[in-house]
N, C-alpha and C. Protein backbone atom coordinates (compact mmCIF):
# COMPACT_ATOMS: atom_id res chain seq x y z
N MET A 1 0.24 -0.96 0.19
CA MET A 1 0.09 -0.05 0.08
C MET A 1 1.04 1.47 0.35
N SER A 2 0.84 2.42 -0.58
CA SER A 2 1.48 3.28 -0.52
C SER A 2 1.29 4.17 0.52
N PRO A 3 1.98 5.06 0.82
CA PRO A 3 2.14 5.78 1.83
C PRO A 3 1.13 6.72 1.71
N ARG A 4 0.55 7.34 0.57
CA ARG A 4 -0.42 8.37 0.33
C ARG A 4 -1.66 7.72 1.01
N LYS A 5 -2.15 6.57 0.28
CA LYS A 5 -3.39 5.62 0.32
C LYS A 5 -3.12 5.66 1.94
N ARG A 6 -2.07 4.84 2.33
CA ARG A 6 -2.36 4.83 4.02
C ARG A 6 -2.58 5.98 5.05
N GLN A 7 -2.23 7.11 4.50
CA GLN A 7 -2.49 8.31 5.35
C GLN A 7 -3.47 9.05 5.06
N MET A 8 -4.02 8.28 3.71
CA MET A 8 -5.93 8.94 3.55
C MET A 8 -6.94 7.88 3.96
N GLU A 9 -6.09 6.56 4.15
CA GLU A 9 -7.11 5.98 5.07
C GLU A 9 -7.23 6.15 6.68
N GLU A 10 -6.37 6.41 7.33
CA GLU A 10 -5.60 6.91 8.61
C GLU A 10 -6.75 8.31 9.24
N ASP A 11 -6.69 9.01 7.95
CA ASP A 11 -7.42 10.27 8.39
C ASP A 11 -8.81 10.13 8.10
N ARG A 12 -8.82 9.56 7.02
CA ARG A 12 -10.54 8.66 7.21
C ARG A 12 -11.19 8.84 8.75
N ALA A 13 -10.29 7.30 8.85
CA ALA A 13 -10.65 6.61 10.17
C ALA A 13 -10.88 7.57 11.05
N LEU A 14 -9.77 8.81 11.51
CA LEU A 14 -9.89 9.75 12.39
C LEU A 14 -10.90 10.72 12.52
N ARG A 15 -11.58 10.84 11.03
CA ARG A 15 -12.36 11.81 10.74
C ARG A 15 -13.64 10.81 11.13
N ASP A 16 -14.18 9.75 11.18
CA ASP A 16 -15.29 8.96 11.27
C ASP A 16 -15.38 9.04 12.42
N ALA A 17 -14.52 8.57 13.39
CA ALA A 17 -14.22 8.42 14.63
C ALA A 17 -14.58 9.93 15.77
N ALA A 18 -14.13 10.97 15.25
CA ALA A 18 -14.64 12.29 15.30
C ALA A 18 -16.03 12.38 15.10
N ARG A 19 -16.98 12.34 14.09
CA ARG A 19 -17.88 12.37 13.66
C ARG A 19 -18.84 11.76 14.46
N THR A 20 -18.22 10.12 14.73
CA THR A 20 -19.34 9.54 15.81
C THR A 20 -19.54 10.46 16.89
N LEU A 21 -18.10 10.78 17.65
CA LEU A 21 -17.89 11.45 19.06
C LEU A 21 -19.04 12.67 18.96
N VAL A 22 -19.05 13.64 17.85
CA VAL A 22 -19.46 14.74 17.98
C VAL A 22 -21.10 14.39 17.77
N LYS A 23 -21.86 13.38 17.21
CA LYS A 23 -23.20 12.86 16.85
C LYS A 23 -23.42 12.32 18.44
N ASP A 24 -22.64 11.45 18.91
CA ASP A 24 -23.03 11.07 20.33
C ASP A 24 -23.33 12.20 21.16
N ASP A 25 -22.33 13.30 21.37
CA ASP A 25 -22.45 14.44 22.13
C ASP A 25 -23.64 15.25 22.00
N ILE A 26 -23.76 15.46 20.79
CA ILE A 26 -24.91 15.83 20.64
C ILE A 26 -26.69 15.38 20.68
N ALA A 27 -26.25 14.03 20.44
CA ALA A 27 -27.35 12.93 21.21
C ALA A 27 -27.66 13.26 22.56
N HIS A 28 -26.42 12.99 23.48
CA HIS A 28 -26.52 13.17 24.91
C HIS A 28 -26.97 14.63 25.21
N LEU A 29 -26.78 15.61 24.53
CA LEU A 29 -27.45 16.51 24.55
C LEU A 29 -28.81 17.36 24.84
N LYS A 30 -29.15 16.76 23.46
CA LYS A 30 -30.73 16.86 23.09
C LYS A 30 -31.43 15.62 24.41
N GLY A 31 -30.77 14.94 24.78
CA GLY A 31 -31.58 14.28 26.02
C GLY A 31 -31.68 15.09 27.08
N ASP A 32 -30.71 15.87 27.14
CA ASP A 32 -30.81 16.39 28.42
C ASP A 32 -30.91 17.41 28.60
N VAL A 33 -31.57 18.16 27.16
CA VAL A 33 -32.22 19.29 27.39
C VAL A 33 -33.55 18.63 27.46
N GLU A 34 -33.95 17.62 26.81
CA GLU A 34 -35.23 17.59 27.14
C GLU A 34 -35.69 17.31 28.16
N GLU A 35 -35.00 16.93 29.26
CA GLU A 35 -35.02 16.05 30.50
C GLU A 35 -34.93 17.68 31.77
N LYS A 36 -34.35 18.34 31.08
CA LYS A 36 -34.38 19.41 32.33
C LYS A 36 -34.47 20.64 31.50
N GLY A 37 -35.19 21.51 31.18
CA GLY A 37 -35.09 22.88 30.21
C GLY A 37 -34.59 23.41 30.50
N ILE A 38 -34.15 24.37 30.09
CA ILE A 38 -33.40 25.28 29.27
C ILE A 38 -33.71 26.39 30.24
N GLY A 39 -34.74 26.93 30.87
CA GLY A 39 -34.95 28.04 32.09
C GLY A 39 -34.71 27.09 33.18
N ALA A 40 -35.17 25.81 33.25
CA ALA A 40 -34.64 25.42 34.90
C ALA A 40 -32.53 25.37 34.82
N ARG A 41 -31.96 25.45 33.40
CA ARG A 41 -30.37 25.35 33.48
C ARG A 41 -30.36 26.81 33.67
N ILE A 42 -30.64 27.81 33.12
CA ILE A 42 -30.22 29.29 33.69
C ILE A 42 -30.79 29.16 34.76
N ALA A 43 -31.48 28.94 35.72
CA ALA A 43 -31.95 29.27 36.91
C ALA A 43 -30.60 28.46 37.60
N SER A 44 -30.48 27.27 37.82
CA SER A 44 -29.30 27.09 38.61
C SER A 44 -27.98 27.13 38.14
N SER A 45 -27.55 28.11 37.02
CA SER A 45 -26.54 28.42 36.73
C SER A 45 -26.42 29.89 37.16
N ALA A 46 -27.57 30.55 37.35
CA ALA A 46 -27.58 31.62 37.85
C ALA A 46 -27.34 31.27 39.52
N LEU A 47 -28.47 30.33 40.38
CA LEU A 47 -28.01 30.07 41.50
C LEU A 47 -26.35 29.28 42.10
N LEU A 48 -26.20 28.74 41.30
CA LEU A 48 -24.95 28.76 41.38
C LEU A 48 -23.64 29.70 41.06
N GLY A 49 -23.91 30.44 40.42
CA GLY A 49 -23.27 31.80 40.32
C GLY A 49 -23.18 32.87 41.89
N VAL A 50 -24.41 32.81 42.36
CA VAL A 50 -25.12 33.31 43.21
C VAL A 50 -24.31 32.72 44.55
N GLY A 51 -24.31 31.70 44.80
CA GLY A 51 -23.76 30.70 45.37
C GLY A 51 -21.58 30.63 45.83
N ASP A 52 -21.48 30.84 44.87
CA ASP A 52 -20.00 31.55 44.45
C ASP A 52 -19.81 33.07 45.10
N ILE A 53 -20.88 33.79 44.44
CA ILE A 53 -20.24 35.17 44.98
C ILE A 53 -20.44 35.34 46.27
N VAL A 54 -21.67 35.08 46.99
CA VAL A 54 -21.67 34.82 48.13
C VAL A 54 -20.61 34.05 49.12
N SER A 55 -20.33 33.19 48.78
CA SER A 55 -19.04 32.30 49.45
C SER A 55 -17.81 33.53 49.36
N GLU A 56 -17.55 33.79 48.16
CA GLU A 56 -16.05 34.94 47.82
C GLU A 56 -16.46 35.80 48.69
N GLY A 57 -17.59 36.48 48.86
CA GLY A 57 -17.94 37.87 49.73
C GLY A 57 -17.58 37.31 51.05
N ARG A 58 -18.23 36.56 51.59
CA ARG A 58 -18.08 35.84 53.00
C ARG A 58 -16.63 35.92 53.60
N GLU A 59 -15.27 35.46 52.32
CA GLU A 59 -14.26 35.26 52.66
C GLU A 59 -13.42 36.14 52.58
N LEU A 60 -13.84 37.03 51.78
CA LEU A 60 -13.65 38.72 52.06
C LEU A 60 -13.84 39.41 52.99
N VAL A 61 -15.02 39.16 53.76
CA VAL A 61 -15.41 39.72 54.95
C VAL A 61 -14.29 39.10 55.89
N GLU A 62 -14.41 37.80 56.35
CA GLU A 62 -13.40 37.28 57.09
C GLU A 62 -12.01 37.59 57.03
N LYS A 63 -11.52 38.11 55.69
CA LYS A 63 -9.94 38.42 55.77
C LYS A 63 -10.26 39.82 56.15
N HIS A 64 -10.96 40.76 55.49
CA HIS A 64 -10.83 42.39 55.95
C HIS A 64 -12.01 42.66 56.98
N LYS A 65 -12.08 42.28 58.06
CA LYS A 65 -13.01 42.46 59.09
C LYS A 65 -13.55 44.00 59.16
N PRO A 66 -12.45 44.75 59.42
CA PRO A 66 -12.59 46.34 59.92
C PRO A 66 -12.72 46.79 58.67
N ALA A 67 -12.54 46.81 57.54
CA ALA A 67 -13.15 47.55 56.31
C ALA A 67 -14.13 47.10 55.72
N SER A 68 -14.83 45.91 56.13
CA SER A 68 -15.82 45.75 56.04
C SER A 68 -17.07 45.95 57.14
N TYR A 69 -16.89 46.35 58.16
CA TYR A 69 -17.68 46.76 58.74
C TYR A 69 -17.92 48.44 58.29
N GLY A 70 -16.97 49.07 58.15
CA GLY A 70 -17.36 50.64 57.51
C GLY A 70 -18.20 50.41 56.21
N ILE A 71 -17.94 49.84 54.86
CA ILE A 71 -18.51 49.58 53.98
C ILE A 71 -20.13 49.51 54.38
N GLY A 72 -20.34 48.44 55.24
CA GLY A 72 -21.61 47.86 55.56
C GLY A 72 -22.18 49.03 56.00
N ALA A 73 -21.15 49.97 57.00
CA ALA A 73 -21.97 51.08 57.59
C ALA A 73 -22.39 52.29 56.78
N ILE A 74 -21.93 52.29 55.45
CA ILE A 74 -21.93 53.06 54.22
C ILE A 74 -23.13 52.58 53.44
N LEU A 75 -22.99 51.49 53.44
CA LEU A 75 -24.04 50.84 52.61
C LEU A 75 -25.48 50.95 53.53
N ALA A 76 -25.52 50.75 54.65
CA ALA A 76 -26.67 50.69 55.36
C ALA A 76 -27.01 52.20 55.30
N MET A 77 -26.20 53.18 55.82
CA MET A 77 -26.69 54.83 55.51
C MET A 77 -27.50 55.14 54.53
N ILE A 78 -26.74 54.87 53.40
CA ILE A 78 -27.28 54.91 52.13
C ILE A 78 -28.54 54.42 51.86
N LEU A 79 -28.80 53.69 52.07
CA LEU A 79 -30.33 52.67 52.04
C LEU A 79 -31.15 53.00 52.82
N GLY A 80 -30.89 53.78 53.73
CA GLY A 80 -31.75 54.43 55.04
C GLY A 80 -32.02 56.03 54.05
N TRP A 81 -31.00 56.53 53.64
CA TRP A 81 -31.65 57.72 53.15
C TRP A 81 -32.26 57.74 52.20
N TRP A 82 -32.16 56.76 51.25
CA TRP A 82 -33.00 56.24 49.86
C TRP A 82 -34.24 55.69 50.43
N ALA A 83 -34.19 54.99 51.63
CA ALA A 83 -35.66 54.41 51.97
C ALA A 83 -36.58 55.65 52.52
N LEU A 84 -35.87 56.64 52.84
CA LEU A 84 -36.54 57.82 54.06
C LEU A 84 -36.96 58.76 52.78
N GLY A 85 -36.54 58.72 51.80
CA GLY A 85 -36.92 59.63 50.72
C GLY A 85 -36.05 60.17 50.26
N GLY A 86 -35.17 60.29 49.89
CA GLY A 86 -33.58 60.94 49.98
C GLY A 86 -33.87 62.39 50.11
N ASP A 87 -33.86 63.56 48.78
CA ASP A 87 -33.56 64.65 49.38
C ASP A 87 -34.62 65.08 48.18
N ASP A 88 -36.10 65.20 49.06
CA ASP A 88 -37.04 65.72 48.22
C ASP A 88 -37.47 66.81 48.37
N ASP A 89 -37.26 67.96 49.14
CA ASP A 89 -37.39 69.12 49.26
C ASP A 89 -36.99 69.87 48.09
N GLU A 90 -36.05 69.75 47.23
CA GLU A 90 -35.45 70.50 46.41
C GLU A 90 -36.22 70.69 45.73
N PRO A 91 -36.69 71.78 44.38
CA PRO A 91 -37.13 71.48 43.14
C PRO A 91 -36.37 70.84 42.69
N GLU A 92 -36.87 70.29 41.48
CA GLU A 92 -36.48 69.41 40.32
C GLU A 92 -35.61 70.52 39.25
N ASP A 93 -36.36 72.05 38.76
CA ASP A 93 -35.82 72.21 38.15
C ASP A 93 -34.55 73.40 38.63
N ASP A 94 -33.08 73.03 37.64
CA ASP A 94 -31.77 73.54 38.39
C ASP A 94 -32.18 75.09 37.68
N ASP A 95 -32.57 75.36 36.90
CA ASP A 95 -32.55 77.05 36.50
C ASP A 95 -33.35 77.84 37.13
N TYR A 96 -32.96 78.68 38.20
CA TYR A 96 -33.23 79.10 39.40
C TYR A 96 -33.84 80.80 38.41
N ALA A 97 -32.87 81.06 38.01
CA ALA A 97 -32.85 82.42 37.62
C ALA A 97 -34.18 82.87 36.93
N TRP A 98 -34.59 82.02 36.03
CA TRP A 98 -35.74 82.16 35.18
C TRP A 98 -37.25 82.00 35.77
N ASP A 99 -36.94 81.76 37.49
CA ASP A 99 -37.99 81.31 38.17
C ASP A 99 -38.64 82.80 38.92
N GLU A 100 -37.22 83.64 38.88
CA GLU A 100 -37.39 84.83 39.62
C GLU A 100 -38.52 85.83 38.64
N THR A 101 -39.44 86.67 39.56
CA THR A 101 -39.88 87.56 38.88
C THR A 101 -39.52 88.94 39.16
N ASP A 102 -39.31 89.86 37.96
CA ASP A 102 -39.10 91.46 38.57
C ASP A 102 -40.19 91.93 38.91
């Protein structure tokens, strides 16, 4: 057998094996999606992401406790200011010169 023909047969065998693997993966994904819907997958991914963020946040807080108390106090102050209505007694129009009467 010539080297070209042997190389062609080896390449064809590799191609066929790769095609079989891809088809099996696609079939597995289709079955997996039918078993668990897209919405449920997105929700579970979001929950995993939130869990990671919370765990990393806890590690940061444990590592930097004094700074986290200050940040927490500032966030609580901002939240309280916002919850109480913020700064509502100022007019919304910033152009005061036009409001004056002569």
